[in-house]
Amino acid sequence: MTAQQATIDGYQRGVLNVQAAVSVTLAQKRNHLDTVLRLGPGAMLTFEKNCDEPLTLEVGGQPIATGEVVKVGDKYGIRIRSFDPDDIDPADC
């Protein structure tokens, strides 16, 4: 291994150790601020997305995969069904 390869390998390891925000989006909608301010305990907020539609997995705010919610012990998880960042339209999330 050359010194240049060692530097590149070290850089790649460093990049792969960077932490990124990972989130799962159930649904999104836009509401007027007065509607949001009237929310309180027991309030219901409905979304247009059907309950059988896939969830969206995002990394760094960018959608990268879709999947379904699963229960793992007493925690939630997501089972990946599709992993192709180019196939996901953020407008559908």
Protein backbone atom coordinates (compact mmCIF):
# COMPACT_ATOMS: atom_id res chain seq x y z
CA MET A 1 0.00 0.00 0.00
CA THR A 2 1.34 3.38 -0.95
CA ALA A 3 1.29 6.42 1.33
CA GLN A 4 -1.38 7.97 -0.91
CA GLN A 5 -3.60 4.87 -0.60
CA ALA A 6 -3.15 4.89 3.18
CA THR A 7 -4.21 8.56 3.29
CA ILE A 8 -7.28 7.85 1.14
CA ASP A 9 -8.19 4.81 3.25
CA GLY A 10 -7.83 6.88 6.43
CA TYR A 11 -9.98 9.64 4.95
CA GLN A 12 -12.67 7.14 3.96
CA ARG A 13 -12.69 5.63 7.46
CA GLY A 14 -13.02 9.12 8.89
CA VAL A 15 -15.92 9.99 6.61
CA LEU A 16 -17.69 6.73 7.44
CA ASN A 17 -17.43 7.59 11.15
CA VAL A 18 -19.37 10.84 10.73
CA GLN A 19 -22.78 10.63 12.39
CA ALA A 20 -25.85 11.75 10.46
CA ALA A 21 -29.43 12.36 11.57
CA VAL A 22 -31.60 9.38 10.62
CA SER A 23 -35.38 9.73 10.78
CA VAL A 24 -38.50 7.93 9.64
CA THR A 25 -41.33 10.05 8.27
CA LEU A 26 -44.86 8.77 8.69
CA ALA A 27 -46.55 11.64 6.83
CA GLN A 28 -46.32 15.39 6.37
CA LYS A 29 -48.79 18.16 5.81
CA ARG A 30 -48.96 21.93 5.88
CA ASN A 31 -51.28 23.70 8.29
CA HIS A 32 -52.01 27.29 9.09
CA LEU A 33 -50.26 28.42 12.24
CA ASP A 34 -53.58 29.14 13.98
CA THR A 35 -54.54 25.46 13.52
CA VAL A 36 -51.26 24.33 15.05
CA LEU A 37 -51.63 26.72 17.98
CA ARG A 38 -55.08 25.28 18.77
CA LEU A 39 -53.65 21.75 19.17
CA GLY A 40 -53.64 20.34 22.67
CA PRO A 41 -54.00 17.09 24.58
CA GLY A 42 -56.54 14.86 22.85
CA ALA A 43 -56.52 16.83 19.59
CA MET A 44 -56.53 14.80 16.38
CA LEU A 45 -54.42 15.68 13.36
CA THR A 46 -55.16 13.63 10.24
CA PHE A 47 -53.01 13.13 7.17
CA GLU A 48 -53.78 12.24 3.56
CA LYS A 49 -51.38 9.29 3.55
CA ASN A 50 -53.06 5.87 3.85
CA CYS A 51 -52.03 3.67 6.76
CA ASP A 52 -50.79 0.93 4.40
CA GLU A 53 -48.44 3.23 2.45
CA PRO A 54 -44.70 2.88 3.12
CA LEU A 55 -42.80 5.10 5.53
CA THR A 56 -39.83 7.14 4.32
CA LEU A 57 -36.34 6.73 5.77
CA GLU A 58 -34.30 9.94 5.65
CA VAL A 59 -30.62 10.55 6.31
CA GLY A 60 -29.53 14.13 6.75
CA GLY A 61 -33.00 15.25 5.66
CA GLN A 62 -32.77 13.41 2.34
CA PRO A 63 -35.08 10.45 1.58
CA ILE A 64 -33.08 7.32 0.82
CA ALA A 65 -35.43 4.38 1.36
CA THR A 66 -38.98 3.28 2.09
CA GLY A 67 -40.23 0.59 4.38
CA GLU A 68 -42.80 -0.56 6.88
CA VAL A 69 -43.01 -0.12 10.61
CA VAL A 70 -42.10 -3.15 12.73
CA LYS A 71 -42.05 -3.83 16.44
CA VAL A 72 -38.66 -4.92 17.80
CA GLY A 73 -39.16 -5.91 21.41
CA ASP A 74 -40.71 -2.82 22.99
CA LYS A 75 -39.25 -0.47 20.34
CA TYR A 76 -40.23 0.61 16.84
CA GLY A 77 -38.16 -0.12 13.77
CA ILE A 78 -38.44 0.05 9.99
CA ARG A 79 -38.09 -2.90 7.62
CA ILE A 80 -36.55 -1.58 4.42
CA ARG A 81 -38.54 -2.51 1.31
CA SER A 82 -36.92 -0.21 -1.23
CA PHE A 83 -33.49 1.40 -1.10
CA ASP A 84 -32.90 3.74 -3.99
CA PRO A 85 -32.48 7.44 -3.21
CA ASP A 86 -33.03 8.32 -6.89
CA ASP A 87 -36.49 6.66 -6.94
CA ILE A 88 -37.93 8.64 -4.04
CA ASP A 89 -39.80 11.85 -4.73
CA PRO A 90 -39.59 14.07 -1.62
CA ALA A 91 -43.02 15.47 -2.52
CA ASP A 92 -44.51 12.03 -1.78
CA CYS A 93 -43.04 11.84 1.73
